[in-house]
């Protein structure tokens, strides 16, 4: 029986956190660390990818107490010495389980990767629940110095849970497909042969797509061959209707293509293949997997200066807006369009930075060091 096993918990099994978790587990396994992923039974979207680590599909989304029993059973089966959470079961109730584990001095270290210090998915009481969850962890991993500052301000001067700042790695595994041509990618996506700036990801208000559309509508000298492609599933029907109305009223048919549906795993590489630049118009964010996906794909980016974006994006490969407003986005997009001749070179620099600074082997090494630090 291994004596140093980590159980990696990713409860959803899909989306950006699922991609992050797969890349991290792969790198940890390649570094010789004993790692086992625990994920969802039927929502696990990465089942078709080759694995160098075992996967236990246990979560069903049926009952909070049953889910925790299944998780603890997985801990017992694997002989895990630590549980590393990439996502949790219930934002409103998990903190009580974490607190109980701390009070009884559970032998299992409870590590949480804090992808966003204040989760976007919670509305009422999100600060209350988040603070109690963080206090009852054995250790926290954050993705940027900005996030650590936000956490310290939230928790106050007496907060003493060990923390590590470890950036996310790049997602070239998902965004680059060997041998995929641009024409084949366009056929896969059923798109006409234009040049594209893309927005990719779940459609949520905090991501600023409404500001993006307003900015595009206000740019008069728009290149005839350029389109903005918004690809992702709206999680709010009212917001979806609002975006459709903005496009109709601003007559954006010659500038914007809306693809309001979930982008399957098999189409992600095609989406990034046809992209000339990637748009990140967020109102707020700690760090974005889409940014690292763009870098891994070798694409330039246009982004607002929120969260870790100013720490990550350099003028070598990106255009930062002066602020997260419509005016700021308009300025950044206009500047980017005026420098279209640089986009390919900037993308190559993004890819080089992704490999050198955001490579998964180094991230796995830092993660293992943090694991060991918690057992000192």
Protein backbone atom coordinates (compact mmCIF):
# COMPACT_ATOMS: atom_id res chain seq x y z
CA UNK A 1 0.00 0.00 0.00
CA UNK A 2 1.48 3.38 -1.00
CA UNK A 3 2.23 5.65 1.93
CA UNK A 4 1.89 9.01 0.20
CA UNK A 5 -1.22 9.07 -1.97
CA UNK A 6 -3.18 12.17 -3.02
CA UNK A 7 -6.84 11.93 -3.86
CA UNK A 8 -7.67 14.69 -6.34
CA UNK A 9 -11.33 15.71 -6.14
CA UNK A 10 -13.05 17.39 -9.10
CA UNK A 11 -16.77 17.04 -8.54
CA UNK A 12 -18.11 18.39 -11.84
CA UNK A 13 -16.09 16.48 -14.41
CA UNK A 14 -16.33 19.09 -17.19
CA UNK A 15 -15.28 22.61 -18.16
CA UNK A 16 -12.15 24.55 -17.35
CA UNK A 17 -11.56 23.08 -13.89
CA UNK A 18 -11.83 19.60 -15.40
CA UNK A 19 -9.13 20.51 -17.93
CA UNK A 20 -6.92 22.01 -15.22
CA UNK A 21 -7.31 18.94 -13.04
CA UNK A 22 -6.45 16.52 -15.85
CA UNK A 23 -3.28 18.42 -16.74
CA UNK A 24 -2.21 18.65 -13.10
CA UNK A 25 -2.89 14.97 -12.40
CA UNK A 26 -0.95 13.99 -15.52
CA UNK A 27 2.03 16.10 -14.46
CA UNK A 28 1.94 14.81 -10.88
CA UNK A 29 1.85 11.22 -12.12
CA UNK A 30 4.74 11.86 -14.51
CA UNK A 31 6.69 13.29 -11.56
CA UNK A 32 6.25 9.97 -9.77
CA UNK A 33 3.55 11.11 -7.36
CA UNK A 34 0.75 8.68 -6.48
CA UNK A 35 -2.41 10.45 -7.59
CA UNK A 36 -5.99 9.30 -8.08
CA UNK A 37 -8.80 11.44 -9.49
CA UNK A 38 -12.30 11.27 -8.01
CA UNK A 39 -14.93 12.78 -10.28
CA UNK A 40 -18.53 12.56 -11.48
CA UNK A 41 -20.11 9.31 -12.69
CA UNK A 42 -21.80 10.53 -15.89
CA UNK A 43 -20.70 14.15 -16.40
CA UNK A 44 -17.00 13.32 -16.77
CA UNK A 45 -16.16 14.88 -20.13
CA UNK A 46 -12.53 13.74 -20.38
CA UNK A 47 -13.11 10.00 -20.36
CA UNK A 48 -11.79 9.70 -23.91
CA UNK A 49 -8.36 11.13 -23.07
CA UNK A 50 -5.44 8.82 -22.29
CA UNK A 51 -4.60 8.76 -18.59
CA UNK A 52 -1.42 8.10 -16.66
CA UNK A 53 -3.34 8.06 -13.37
CA UNK A 54 -6.39 6.14 -12.08
CA UNK A 55 -9.87 7.66 -12.12
CA UNK A 56 -12.72 6.84 -9.73
CA UNK A 57 -16.12 8.05 -10.91
CA UNK A 58 -18.19 8.24 -7.74
CA UNK A 59 -20.21 11.47 -7.54
CA UNK A 60 -23.84 11.30 -8.64
CA UNK A 61 -25.38 14.59 -7.56
CA UNK A 62 -28.08 12.89 -5.52
CA UNK A 63 -27.56 13.71 -1.83
CA UNK A 64 -24.92 15.65 0.11
CA UNK A 65 -24.40 13.02 2.81
CA UNK A 66 -24.22 10.17 0.29
CA UNK A 67 -21.66 12.04 -1.80
CA UNK A 68 -19.40 12.51 1.23
CA UNK A 69 -19.73 8.85 2.17
CA UNK A 70 -18.65 7.88 -1.33
CA UNK A 71 -15.71 10.26 -1.14
CA UNK A 72 -14.57 8.89 2.23
CA UNK A 73 -14.93 5.38 0.86
CA UNK A 74 -12.60 6.38 -1.99
CA UNK A 75 -10.11 7.73 0.56
CA UNK A 76 -10.16 4.40 2.38
CA UNK A 77 -9.82 2.38 -0.84
CA UNK A 78 -6.79 4.31 -2.05
CA UNK A 79 -5.06 4.77 1.28
CA UNK A 80 -4.83 8.49 0.57
CA UNK A 81 -2.96 10.70 3.01
CA UNK A 82 -4.36 13.94 1.60
CA UNK A 83 -7.43 15.13 -0.29
CA UNK A 84 -6.83 17.91 -2.80
CA UNK A 85 -10.08 19.61 -3.82
CA UNK A 86 -10.33 21.36 -7.18
CA UNK A 87 -14.06 21.78 -6.66
CA UNK A 88 -16.37 20.96 -3.79
CA UNK A 89 -19.79 19.40 -3.33
CA UNK A 90 -21.79 22.21 -1.74
CA UNK A 91 -20.57 25.76 -1.32
CA UNK A 92 -23.02 26.28 1.53
CA UNK A 93 -22.39 23.08 3.48
CA UNK A 94 -18.91 21.73 2.83
CA UNK A 95 -17.33 24.10 5.34
CA UNK A 96 -19.13 22.23 8.14
CA UNK A 97 -17.55 18.93 7.06
CA UNK A 98 -14.14 20.60 6.80
CA UNK A 99 -14.59 22.11 10.28
CA UNK A 100 -15.58 18.73 11.74
CA UNK A 101 -12.48 17.16 10.17
CA UNK A 102 -10.30 19.85 11.74
CA UNK A 103 -11.90 19.54 15.17
CA UNK A 104 -11.45 15.77 15.32
CA UNK A 105 -7.91 16.14 13.92
CA UNK A 106 -8.56 14.07 10.84
CA UNK A 107 -5.39 12.37 9.52
CA UNK A 108 -6.21 13.52 5.98
CA UNK A 109 -4.82 16.87 4.88
CA UNK A 110 -7.53 18.96 3.18
CA UNK A 111 -6.08 21.11 0.41
CA UNK A 112 -8.21 23.41 -1.70
CA UNK A 113 -7.23 25.12 -4.92
CA UNK A 114 -8.92 28.51 -4.77
CA UNK A 115 -9.69 29.24 -8.40
CA UNK A 116 -11.68 32.34 -7.36
CA UNK A 117 -11.41 33.71 -3.82
CA UNK A 118 -15.07 34.75 -3.92
CA UNK A 119 -16.86 32.13 -6.08
CA UNK A 120 -19.02 33.46 -8.89
CA UNK A 121 -21.57 30.66 -8.55
CA UNK A 122 -22.72 31.69 -5.07
CA UNK A 123 -24.86 34.74 -4.50
CA UNK A 124 -26.33 35.03 -1.01
CA UNK A 125 -23.82 34.42 1.78
CA UNK A 126 -20.87 33.68 -0.49
CA UNK A 127 -18.41 35.59 1.72
CA UNK A 128 -19.72 33.87 4.87
CA UNK A 129 -19.37 30.37 3.42
CA UNK A 130 -16.05 31.02 1.73
CA UNK A 131 -14.39 32.39 4.85
CA UNK A 132 -15.45 29.40 6.93
CA UNK A 133 -14.32 26.97 4.28
CA UNK A 134 -10.87 28.57 4.02
CA UNK A 135 -10.37 28.62 7.79
CA UNK A 136 -10.93 24.87 8.00
CA UNK A 137 -8.56 23.79 5.23
CA UNK A 138 -5.09 22.38 5.88
CA UNK A 139 -3.67 24.39 2.99
CA UNK A 140 -4.74 26.63 0.12
CA UNK A 141 -3.33 27.00 -3.40
CA UNK A 142 -4.01 30.26 -5.24
CA UNK A 143 -3.14 31.19 -8.80
CA UNK A 144 -1.70 34.69 -8.42
CA UNK A 145 -0.25 37.24 -6.03
CA UNK A 146 -3.42 39.29 -6.61
CA UNK A 147 -5.55 36.40 -5.38
CA UNK A 148 -3.37 35.97 -2.30
CA UNK A 149 -3.76 39.67 -1.49
CA UNK A 150 -7.53 39.35 -1.90
CA UNK A 151 -7.59 36.33 0.40
CA UNK A 152 -5.54 38.07 3.09
CA UNK A 153 -7.81 41.12 2.97
CA UNK A 154 -10.87 38.85 3.25
CA UNK A 155 -9.57 36.71 6.11
CA UNK A 156 -7.84 39.32 8.24
CA UNK A 157 -4.45 39.47 10.01
CA UNK A 158 -4.94 36.37 12.20
CA UNK A 159 -5.48 33.97 9.29
CA UNK A 160 -2.76 31.30 9.52
CA UNK A 161 -3.70 28.54 7.05
CA UNK A 162 -0.63 27.78 4.87
CA UNK A 163 -0.95 29.18 1.34
CA UNK A 164 0.99 28.78 -1.89
CA UNK A 165 0.80 30.81 -5.08
CA UNK A 166 1.07 28.38 -8.00
CA UNK A 167 -0.10 29.61 -11.41
CA UNK A 168 -2.18 27.38 -13.66
CA UNK A 169 -0.37 25.73 -16.54
CA UNK A 170 -1.09 26.12 -20.22
CA UNK A 171 -3.72 24.03 -22.04
CA UNK A 172 -1.95 23.20 -25.28
CA UNK A 173 -3.06 19.58 -24.79
CA UNK A 174 -6.63 20.68 -25.52
CA UNK A 175 -6.11 23.62 -27.86
CA UNK A 176 -3.54 22.23 -30.28
CA UNK A 177 -4.30 19.23 -32.46
CA UNK A 178 -1.47 17.88 -34.60
CA UNK A 179 -2.22 18.07 -38.31
CA UNK A 180 -5.42 20.11 -37.96
CA UNK A 181 -5.60 22.67 -40.76
CA UNK A 182 -7.51 25.93 -40.64
CA UNK A 183 -9.81 24.84 -43.46
CA UNK A 184 -10.61 21.57 -41.65
CA UNK A 185 -11.27 23.52 -38.45
CA UNK A 186 -13.67 25.85 -40.26
CA UNK A 187 -15.49 22.82 -41.68
CA UNK A 188 -15.70 21.23 -38.23
CA UNK A 189 -17.25 24.38 -36.79
CA UNK A 190 -19.38 25.05 -39.89
CA UNK A 191 -18.04 28.61 -40.19
CA UNK A 192 -17.36 30.75 -43.28
CA UNK A 193 -13.79 31.67 -44.10
CA UNK A 194 -13.34 34.93 -42.19
CA UNK A 195 -10.69 35.96 -39.69
CA UNK A 196 -11.90 35.53 -36.11
CA UNK A 197 -11.40 37.01 -32.69
CA UNK A 198 -13.01 34.52 -30.31
CA UNK A 199 -14.64 34.55 -26.92
CA UNK A 200 -14.81 31.00 -25.53
CA UNK A 201 -16.44 29.70 -22.36
CA UNK A 202 -19.64 29.56 -20.39
CA UNK A 203 -21.66 32.74 -20.95
CA UNK A 204 -21.96 34.54 -17.63
CA UNK A 205 -22.57 38.19 -16.86
CA UNK A 206 -19.30 38.71 -14.99
CA UNK A 207 -17.39 37.82 -18.17
CA UNK A 208 -18.45 41.08 -19.79
CA UNK A 209 -19.80 39.83 -23.14
CA UNK A 210 -22.38 42.63 -23.12
CA UNK A 211 -19.56 45.19 -22.81
CA UNK A 212 -17.71 43.41 -25.61
CA UNK A 213 -20.70 43.66 -27.97
CA UNK A 214 -21.20 47.32 -27.12
CA UNK A 215 -17.52 47.99 -27.81
CA UNK A 216 -17.63 46.20 -31.17
CA UNK A 217 -20.77 48.14 -32.12
CA UNK A 218 -18.97 51.40 -31.49
CA UNK A 219 -15.96 50.71 -33.72
CA UNK A 220 -16.67 52.28 -37.12
CA UNK A 221 -13.65 51.24 -39.20
CA UNK A 222 -14.24 47.52 -38.80
CA UNK A 223 -12.30 45.27 -41.22
CA UNK A 224 -14.59 43.52 -43.71
CA UNK A 225 -12.90 40.15 -43.21
CA UNK A 226 -12.94 40.16 -39.40
CA UNK A 227 -15.60 38.64 -37.13
CA UNK A 228 -16.04 38.24 -33.38
CA UNK A 229 -17.10 34.68 -32.55
CA UNK A 230 -18.79 34.15 -29.17
CA UNK A 231 -18.84 30.42 -28.45
CA UNK A 232 -20.28 28.98 -25.25
CA UNK A 233 -23.40 27.98 -23.39
CA UNK A 234 -25.36 30.75 -21.61
CA UNK A 235 -26.11 29.87 -17.99
CA UNK A 236 -28.73 32.62 -17.64
CA UNK A 237 -31.69 32.78 -20.04
CA UNK A 238 -32.33 36.45 -19.33
CA UNK A 239 -28.72 37.36 -20.11
CA UNK A 240 -28.84 35.32 -23.32
CA UNK A 241 -31.90 37.25 -24.48
CA UNK A 242 -30.21 40.52 -23.56
CA UNK A 243 -27.18 39.67 -25.71
CA UNK A 244 -29.37 38.66 -28.64
CA UNK A 245 -31.26 41.93 -28.34
CA UNK A 246 -28.02 43.97 -28.29
CA UNK A 247 -26.82 42.24 -31.46
CA UNK A 248 -30.13 42.84 -33.21
CA UNK A 249 -30.47 46.48 -32.18
CA UNK A 250 -26.85 47.30 -33.03
CA UNK A 251 -27.06 45.42 -36.36
CA UNK A 252 -23.96 43.36 -35.61
CA UNK A 253 -24.58 40.59 -38.14
CA UNK A 254 -21.54 41.65 -40.19
CA UNK A 255 -19.30 41.79 -37.13
CA UNK A 256 -20.42 39.12 -34.65
CA UNK A 257 -21.24 35.41 -34.80
CA UNK A 258 -23.06 34.00 -31.76
CA UNK A 259 -22.79 30.28 -31.07
CA UNK A 260 -24.77 29.90 -27.88
CA UNK A 261 -24.22 26.21 -27.17
CA UNK A 262 -21.81 24.01 -25.23
CA UNK A 263 -18.56 23.53 -27.13
CA UNK A 264 -17.77 19.79 -27.09
CA UNK A 265 -14.26 18.58 -26.31
CA UNK A 266 -13.83 17.49 -29.92
CA UNK A 267 -14.31 21.08 -31.17
CA UNK A 268 -12.00 22.97 -28.79
CA UNK A 269 -8.85 22.54 -30.86
CA UNK A 270 -10.73 23.60 -34.00
CA UNK A 271 -12.01 26.71 -32.24
CA UNK A 272 -8.51 27.82 -31.29
CA UNK A 273 -7.13 26.88 -34.71
CA UNK A 274 -9.41 29.40 -36.45
CA UNK A 275 -8.77 32.12 -33.84
CA UNK A 276 -6.45 35.00 -34.73
CA UNK A 277 -6.86 36.46 -31.24
CA UNK A 278 -8.74 35.58 -28.04
CA UNK A 279 -11.00 38.03 -26.21
CA UNK A 280 -11.20 38.23 -22.40
CA UNK A 281 -13.59 41.12 -21.65
CA UNK A 282 -14.19 40.13 -18.01
CA UNK A 283 -15.61 42.50 -15.44
CA UNK A 284 -13.93 40.46 -12.70
CA UNK A 285 -11.93 37.25 -12.40
CA UNK A 286 -9.03 35.87 -10.38
CA UNK A 287 -7.44 33.97 -13.26
CA UNK A 288 -8.87 32.43 -16.42
CA UNK A 289 -8.15 29.03 -17.91
CA UNK A 290 -9.10 30.50 -21.29
CA UNK A 291 -6.10 32.84 -21.07
CA UNK A 292 -3.78 29.87 -20.52
CA UNK A 293 -5.59 28.00 -23.28
CA UNK A 294 -4.94 30.88 -25.67
CA UNK A 295 -1.28 30.99 -24.69
CA UNK A 296 -0.95 27.23 -25.13
CA UNK A 297 -2.50 27.56 -28.58
CA UNK A 298 -0.11 30.37 -29.52
CA UNK A 299 -2.69 33.15 -29.78
CA UNK A 300 -2.53 36.82 -28.92
CA UNK A 301 -5.11 38.09 -26.43
CA UNK A 302 -7.18 41.21 -25.80
CA UNK A 303 -8.19 41.54 -22.16
CA UNK A 304 -9.37 43.79 -19.37
CA UNK A 305 -6.94 44.56 -16.50
CA UNK A 306 -8.69 42.46 -13.83
CA UNK A 307 -7.46 39.77 -11.45
CA UNK A 308 -4.18 38.16 -12.50
CA UNK A 309 -4.39 39.37 -16.10
CA UNK A 310 -1.91 42.24 -15.57
CA UNK A 311 0.48 39.76 -13.89
CA UNK A 312 0.24 37.32 -16.79
CA UNK A 313 -0.26 39.32 -19.99
CA UNK A 314 2.72 41.19 -21.39
CA UNK A 315 2.80 43.60 -24.36
CA UNK A 316 4.72 40.90 -26.23
CA UNK A 317 1.55 38.89 -26.76
CA UNK A 318 -1.43 40.83 -25.47
CA UNK A 319 -3.42 44.06 -25.49
CA UNK A 320 -4.64 45.17 -22.07
CA UNK A 321 -7.56 47.59 -21.89
CA UNK A 322 -7.09 50.59 -19.57
CA UNK A 323 -10.13 49.43 -17.58
CA UNK A 324 -13.03 46.95 -17.73
CA UNK A 325 -15.54 49.36 -19.28
CA UNK A 326 -16.99 49.55 -22.78
CA UNK A 327 -14.70 52.50 -23.45
CA UNK A 328 -11.68 50.54 -22.25
CA UNK A 329 -12.53 47.53 -24.40
CA UNK A 330 -13.14 49.77 -27.41
CA UNK A 331 -9.68 51.27 -27.01
CA UNK A 332 -7.98 47.86 -26.65
CA UNK A 333 -9.79 46.24 -29.59
CA UNK A 334 -9.14 49.25 -31.82
CA UNK A 335 -5.46 49.16 -30.89
CA UNK A 336 -5.30 45.42 -31.54
CA UNK A 337 -6.97 45.73 -34.95
CA UNK A 338 -4.51 48.44 -35.94
CA UNK A 339 -1.70 45.97 -35.21
CA UNK A 340 -3.13 42.87 -36.90
CA UNK A 341 0.15 42.39 -38.69
CA UNK A 342 1.72 41.52 -35.29
CA UNK A 343 -0.83 38.95 -34.14
CA UNK A 344 0.97 35.89 -35.48
CA UNK A 345 4.31 36.93 -34.02
CA UNK A 346 2.63 37.79 -30.72
CA UNK A 347 0.99 34.38 -30.69
CA UNK A 348 4.36 32.68 -31.09
CA UNK A 349 5.62 34.64 -28.09
CA UNK A 350 2.57 33.56 -26.09
CA UNK A 351 3.32 29.92 -26.90
CA UNK A 352 6.95 30.32 -25.86
CA UNK A 353 5.93 31.91 -22.55
CA UNK A 354 3.38 29.16 -21.96
CA UNK A 355 6.07 26.51 -22.29
CA UNK A 356 8.74 28.30 -20.27
CA UNK A 357 6.73 29.83 -17.43
CA UNK A 358 3.48 27.88 -17.38
CA UNK A 359 4.72 24.37 -18.12
CA UNK A 360 3.06 21.63 -16.08
CA UNK A 361 6.24 19.85 -14.85
CA UNK A 362 7.28 22.94 -12.90
CA UNK A 363 3.75 23.40 -11.56
CA UNK A 364 3.61 19.76 -10.45
CA UNK A 365 6.96 20.17 -8.68
CA UNK A 366 5.75 23.22 -6.78
CA UNK A 367 2.51 21.42 -5.88
CA UNK A 368 4.43 18.43 -4.46
CA UNK A 369 6.66 20.79 -2.48
CA UNK A 370 3.53 22.33 -0.94
CA UNK A 371 2.19 18.87 -0.08
CA UNK A 372 5.41 18.07 1.75
CA UNK A 373 5.42 21.43 3.47
CA UNK A 374 2.06 20.63 5.07
CA UNK A 375 3.47 17.42 6.57
CA UNK A 376 6.58 19.00 8.09
